[in-house]
Amino acid sequence: MSLIKLEEKNILLNQSFSNQEEYFQKITKKLMTENMVKEGYLESITKRETTYPTGLYIGERSIAIPHTDYQLSNVTAILVSVLKDSLHFQRMDDPEEMVSVNVIIHLLFDSPDKQPQLLKELMSKVTNQDFLQAIMEAKSKTEVLTAFNQ
């Protein structure tokens, strides 16, 4: 059974953020409002991104896959943000390098045993250039859902 459960309410299209900090603040506010994460989430995700960057260079495109400890999440879910203007994230494989990302796939998991499977499922999707192109070019939430469900 797939752990990737993308809901329309967790798809944000044409988003603009001035920097990574603003992204994390606004996303955390949304997640807190919907009771998806617990108090302390913002500090944890920010600290983790500094220590273990999540920018991922995949061929012609780059994405970020931020996530943090399961103890701060109430659900297992993903949130997809498609950005108008790219944000810079440090590369997970080379933290000295930055990548410009237009798609951020934010992961939430509520138990430690779900993280490996969720990451494995997600990596099989994001390493497909056609999948990434479909997400980046999506004009509607339905198009994003269709790409994830293929």
C-alpha atoms as a PDB file:
ATOM      1  CA  MET A   1       0.000   0.000   0.000  1.00  0.00           C
ATOM      2  CA  SER A   2       1.317   3.395  -0.976  1.00  0.00           C
ATOM      3  CA  LEU A   3       2.048   5.940   1.729  1.00  0.00           C
ATOM      4  CA  ILE A   4       1.907   8.811  -0.759  1.00  0.00           C
ATOM      5  CA  LYS A   5      -1.437  10.370  -0.026  1.00  0.00           C
ATOM      6  CA  LEU A   6      -1.702  13.717  -1.719  1.00  0.00           C
ATOM      7  CA  GLU A   7      -4.878  15.666  -1.066  1.00  0.00           C
ATOM      8  CA  GLU A   8      -6.018  18.664  -3.061  1.00  0.00           C
ATOM      9  CA  LYS A   9      -5.886  20.863   0.069  1.00  0.00           C
ATOM     10  CA  ASN A  10      -2.143  20.090   0.287  1.00  0.00           C
ATOM     11  CA  ILE A  11      -1.307  21.384  -3.186  1.00  0.00           C
ATOM     12  CA  LEU A  12      -0.189  25.002  -3.430  1.00  0.00           C
ATOM     13  CA  LEU A  13       0.229  26.409  -6.945  1.00  0.00           C
ATOM     14  CA  ASN A  14       1.915  29.620  -8.097  1.00  0.00           C
ATOM     15  CA  GLN A  15       3.337  30.346  -4.670  1.00  0.00           C
ATOM     16  CA  SER A  16       5.799  33.151  -3.997  1.00  0.00           C
ATOM     17  CA  PHE A  17       8.198  33.268  -1.074  1.00  0.00           C
ATOM     18  CA  SER A  18      11.076  35.694  -0.666  1.00  0.00           C
ATOM     19  CA  ASN A  19      13.334  33.047   0.873  1.00  0.00           C
ATOM     20  CA  GLN A  20      13.455  29.638   2.505  1.00  0.00           C
ATOM     21  CA  GLU A  21      12.686  31.093   5.952  1.00  0.00           C
ATOM     22  CA  GLU A  22       9.448  32.661   4.721  1.00  0.00           C
ATOM     23  CA  TYR A  23       8.487  29.379   3.039  1.00  0.00           C
ATOM     24  CA  PHE A  24       8.961  27.419   6.273  1.00  0.00           C
ATOM     25  CA  GLN A  25       7.059  30.037   8.311  1.00  0.00           C
ATOM     26  CA  LYS A  26       4.032  30.087   5.998  1.00  0.00           C
ATOM     27  CA  ILE A  27       3.901  26.337   5.494  1.00  0.00           C
ATOM     28  CA  THR A  28       4.202  25.723   9.234  1.00  0.00           C
ATOM     29  CA  LYS A  29       1.341  28.159   9.863  1.00  0.00           C
ATOM     30  CA  LYS A  30      -0.840  26.230   7.383  1.00  0.00           C
ATOM     31  CA  LEU A  31       0.139  22.886   8.910  1.00  0.00           C
ATOM     32  CA  MET A  32      -0.511  24.147  12.466  1.00  0.00           C
ATOM     33  CA  THR A  33      -3.911  25.568  11.490  1.00  0.00           C
ATOM     34  CA  GLU A  34      -4.894  22.177  10.079  1.00  0.00           C
ATOM     35  CA  ASN A  35      -3.518  20.353  13.160  1.00  0.00           C
ATOM     36  CA  MET A  36      -1.078  18.391  10.991  1.00  0.00           C
ATOM     37  CA  VAL A  37       1.995  19.284  13.076  1.00  0.00           C
ATOM     38  CA  LYS A  38       2.798  20.080  16.685  1.00  0.00           C
ATOM     39  CA  GLU A  39       4.303  23.053  18.478  1.00  0.00           C
ATOM     40  CA  GLY A  40       8.033  23.274  17.793  1.00  0.00           C
ATOM     41  CA  TYR A  41       7.720  22.167  14.173  1.00  0.00           C
ATOM     42  CA  LEU A  42       9.082  25.401  12.684  1.00  0.00           C
ATOM     43  CA  GLU A  43      12.227  25.340  14.813  1.00  0.00           C
ATOM     44  CA  SER A  44      12.782  21.658  14.059  1.00  0.00           C
ATOM     45  CA  ILE A  45      12.333  21.874  10.278  1.00  0.00           C
ATOM     46  CA  THR A  46      14.568  24.959  10.083  1.00  0.00           C
ATOM     47  CA  LYS A  47      17.308  23.353  12.162  1.00  0.00           C
ATOM     48  CA  ARG A  48      17.126  20.091  10.245  1.00  0.00           C
ATOM     49  CA  GLU A  49      17.375  21.880   6.892  1.00  0.00           C
ATOM     50  CA  THR A  50      20.552  23.598   8.088  1.00  0.00           C
ATOM     51  CA  THR A  51      22.094  20.354   9.338  1.00  0.00           C
ATOM     52  CA  TYR A  52      20.747  17.969   6.675  1.00  0.00           C
ATOM     53  CA  PRO A  53      19.847  19.939   3.530  1.00  0.00           C
ATOM     54  CA  THR A  54      17.099  18.601   1.285  1.00  0.00           C
ATOM     55  CA  GLY A  55      17.797  20.230  -2.084  1.00  0.00           C
ATOM     56  CA  LEU A  56      18.025  17.581  -4.764  1.00  0.00           C
ATOM     57  CA  TYR A  57      19.493  18.076  -8.232  1.00  0.00           C
ATOM     58  CA  ILE A  58      17.811  15.669 -10.634  1.00  0.00           C
ATOM     59  CA  GLY A  59      19.059  16.066 -14.184  1.00  0.00           C
ATOM     60  CA  GLU A  60      17.630  19.246 -15.638  1.00  0.00           C
ATOM     61  CA  ARG A  61      15.506  20.031 -12.610  1.00  0.00           C
ATOM     62  CA  SER A  62      15.906  20.512  -8.887  1.00  0.00           C
ATOM     63  CA  ILE A  63      13.461  19.997  -6.050  1.00  0.00           C
ATOM     64  CA  ALA A  64      13.521  20.117  -2.270  1.00  0.00           C
ATOM     65  CA  ILE A  65      12.083  17.460   0.020  1.00  0.00           C
ATOM     66  CA  PRO A  66      12.033  19.005   3.513  1.00  0.00           C
ATOM     67  CA  HIS A  67      11.045  16.828   6.462  1.00  0.00           C
ATOM     68  CA  THR A  68      11.805  16.499  10.148  1.00  0.00           C
ATOM     69  CA  ASP A  69      11.209  14.251  13.141  1.00  0.00           C
ATOM     70  CA  TYR A  70       8.049  12.178  13.246  1.00  0.00           C
ATOM     71  CA  GLN A  71       7.386  13.255  16.850  1.00  0.00           C
ATOM     72  CA  LEU A  72       6.293  16.674  15.590  1.00  0.00           C
ATOM     73  CA  SER A  73       3.777  15.376  13.045  1.00  0.00           C
ATOM     74  CA  ASN A  74       0.211  14.261  13.673  1.00  0.00           C
ATOM     75  CA  VAL A  75      -0.221  12.676  10.216  1.00  0.00           C
ATOM     76  CA  THR A  76       1.573  10.987   7.368  1.00  0.00           C
ATOM     77  CA  ALA A  77       1.099  13.207   4.326  1.00  0.00           C
ATOM     78  CA  ILE A  78       2.805  15.225   1.641  1.00  0.00           C
ATOM     79  CA  LEU A  79       2.376  18.856   0.723  1.00  0.00           C
ATOM     80  CA  VAL A  80       3.370  20.033  -2.760  1.00  0.00           C
ATOM     81  CA  SER A  81       4.285  23.661  -3.436  1.00  0.00           C
ATOM     82  CA  VAL A  82       4.843  24.776  -7.016  1.00  0.00           C
ATOM     83  CA  LEU A  83       6.638  28.118  -6.943  1.00  0.00           C
ATOM     84  CA  LYS A  84       6.389  31.108  -9.283  1.00  0.00           C
ATOM     85  CA  ASP A  85       9.990  32.022  -8.565  1.00  0.00           C
ATOM     86  CA  SER A  86      12.612  29.559  -7.464  1.00  0.00           C
ATOM     87  CA  LEU A  87      14.068  29.354  -3.969  1.00  0.00           C
ATOM     88  CA  HIS A  88      17.606  28.308  -3.117  1.00  0.00           C
ATOM     89  CA  PHE A  89      18.217  25.161  -1.098  1.00  0.00           C
ATOM     90  CA  GLN A  90      21.493  23.527  -0.202  1.00  0.00           C
ATOM     91  CA  ARG A  91      22.048  20.229  -1.979  1.00  0.00           C
ATOM     92  CA  MET A  92      21.648  17.140   0.163  1.00  0.00           C
ATOM     93  CA  ASP A  93      24.563  15.412  -1.591  1.00  0.00           C
ATOM     94  CA  ASP A  94      26.848  18.462  -1.538  1.00  0.00           C
ATOM     95  CA  PRO A  95      25.853  21.070   1.094  1.00  0.00           C
ATOM     96  CA  GLU A  96      28.427  23.534  -0.259  1.00  0.00           C
ATOM     97  CA  GLU A  97      26.337  23.766  -3.453  1.00  0.00           C
ATOM     98  CA  MET A  98      22.948  25.432  -3.850  1.00  0.00           C
ATOM     99  CA  VAL A  99      20.117  24.461  -6.183  1.00  0.00           C
ATOM    100  CA  SER A 100      17.234  26.594  -7.392  1.00  0.00           C
ATOM    101  CA  VAL A 101      13.967  24.772  -6.832  1.00  0.00           C
ATOM    102  CA  ASN A 102      10.505  25.411  -8.212  1.00  0.00           C
ATOM    103  CA  VAL A 103       8.884  22.390  -6.591  1.00  0.00           C
ATOM    104  CA  ILE A 104       8.968  21.620  -2.881  1.00  0.00           C
ATOM    105  CA  ILE A 105       7.563  18.310  -1.692  1.00  0.00           C
ATOM    106  CA  HIS A 106       7.158  18.626   2.051  1.00  0.00           C
ATOM    107  CA  LEU A 107       6.956  15.289   3.893  1.00  0.00           C
ATOM    108  CA  LEU A 108       5.145  14.537   7.119  1.00  0.00           C
ATOM    109  CA  PHE A 109       5.171  11.169   8.847  1.00  0.00           C
ATOM    110  CA  ASP A 110       3.777  10.232  12.230  1.00  0.00           C
ATOM    111  CA  SER A 111       5.934   7.183  12.959  1.00  0.00           C
ATOM    112  CA  PRO A 112       9.602   6.384  12.268  1.00  0.00           C
ATOM    113  CA  ASP A 113       8.857   3.207  10.331  1.00  0.00           C
ATOM    114  CA  LYS A 114       6.975   5.173   7.653  1.00  0.00           C
ATOM    115  CA  GLN A 115       9.888   7.441   6.684  1.00  0.00           C
ATOM    116  CA  PRO A 116      11.942   4.926   4.629  1.00  0.00           C
ATOM    117  CA  GLN A 117       8.943   3.707   2.622  1.00  0.00           C
ATOM    118  CA  LEU A 118       7.631   7.216   1.990  1.00  0.00           C
ATOM    119  CA  LEU A 119      11.057   8.415   0.827  1.00  0.00           C
ATOM    120  CA  LYS A 120      11.499   5.342  -1.388  1.00  0.00           C
ATOM    121  CA  GLU A 121       8.112   5.853  -3.049  1.00  0.00           C
ATOM    122  CA  LEU A 122       8.743   9.543  -3.526  1.00  0.00           C
ATOM    123  CA  MET A 123      12.249   9.054  -4.949  1.00  0.00           C
ATOM    124  CA  SER A 124      10.906   6.635  -7.554  1.00  0.00           C
ATOM    125  CA  LYS A 125       8.589   9.415  -8.740  1.00  0.00           C
ATOM    126  CA  VAL A 126      10.881  12.447  -8.578  1.00  0.00           C
ATOM    127  CA  THR A 127      13.707  10.778 -10.499  1.00  0.00           C
ATOM    128  CA  ASN A 128      11.352  10.619 -13.490  1.00  0.00           C
ATOM    129  CA  GLN A 129      11.847  13.769 -15.605  1.00  0.00           C
ATOM    130  CA  ASP A 130       8.343  13.488 -17.117  1.00  0.00           C
ATOM    131  CA  PHE A 131       6.822  13.473 -13.634  1.00  0.00           C
ATOM    132  CA  LEU A 132       8.786  16.572 -12.602  1.00  0.00           C
ATOM    133  CA  GLN A 133       7.900  18.376 -15.814  1.00  0.00           C
ATOM    134  CA  ALA A 134       4.197  17.598 -15.311  1.00  0.00           C
ATOM    135  CA  ILE A 135       4.320  19.019 -11.775  1.00  0.00           C
ATOM    136  CA  MET A 136       6.219  22.152 -12.811  1.00  0.00           C
ATOM    137  CA  GLU A 137       3.846  22.837 -15.704  1.00  0.00           C
ATOM    138  CA  ALA A 138       0.637  22.033 -13.816  1.00  0.00           C
ATOM    139  CA  LYS A 139      -2.033  24.690 -14.180  1.00  0.00           C
ATOM    140  CA  SER A 140      -4.431  23.107 -11.698  1.00  0.00           C
ATOM    141  CA  LYS A 141      -4.435  20.985  -8.582  1.00  0.00           C
ATOM    142  CA  THR A 142      -6.102  18.231 -10.607  1.00  0.00           C
ATOM    143  CA  GLU A 143      -3.077  18.099 -12.929  1.00  0.00           C
ATOM    144  CA  VAL A 144      -0.756  17.696  -9.926  1.00  0.00           C
ATOM    145  CA  LEU A 145      -2.953  14.919  -8.505  1.00  0.00           C
ATOM    146  CA  THR A 146      -2.984  13.177 -11.886  1.00  0.00           C
ATOM    147  CA  ALA A 147       0.819  13.265 -12.080  1.00  0.00           C
ATOM    148  CA  PHE A 148       1.131  11.783  -8.578  1.00  0.00           C
ATOM    149  CA  ASN A 149      -1.408   9.044  -9.271  1.00  0.00           C
ATOM    150  CA  GLN A 150       0.227   7.747 -12.467  1.00  0.00           C
END
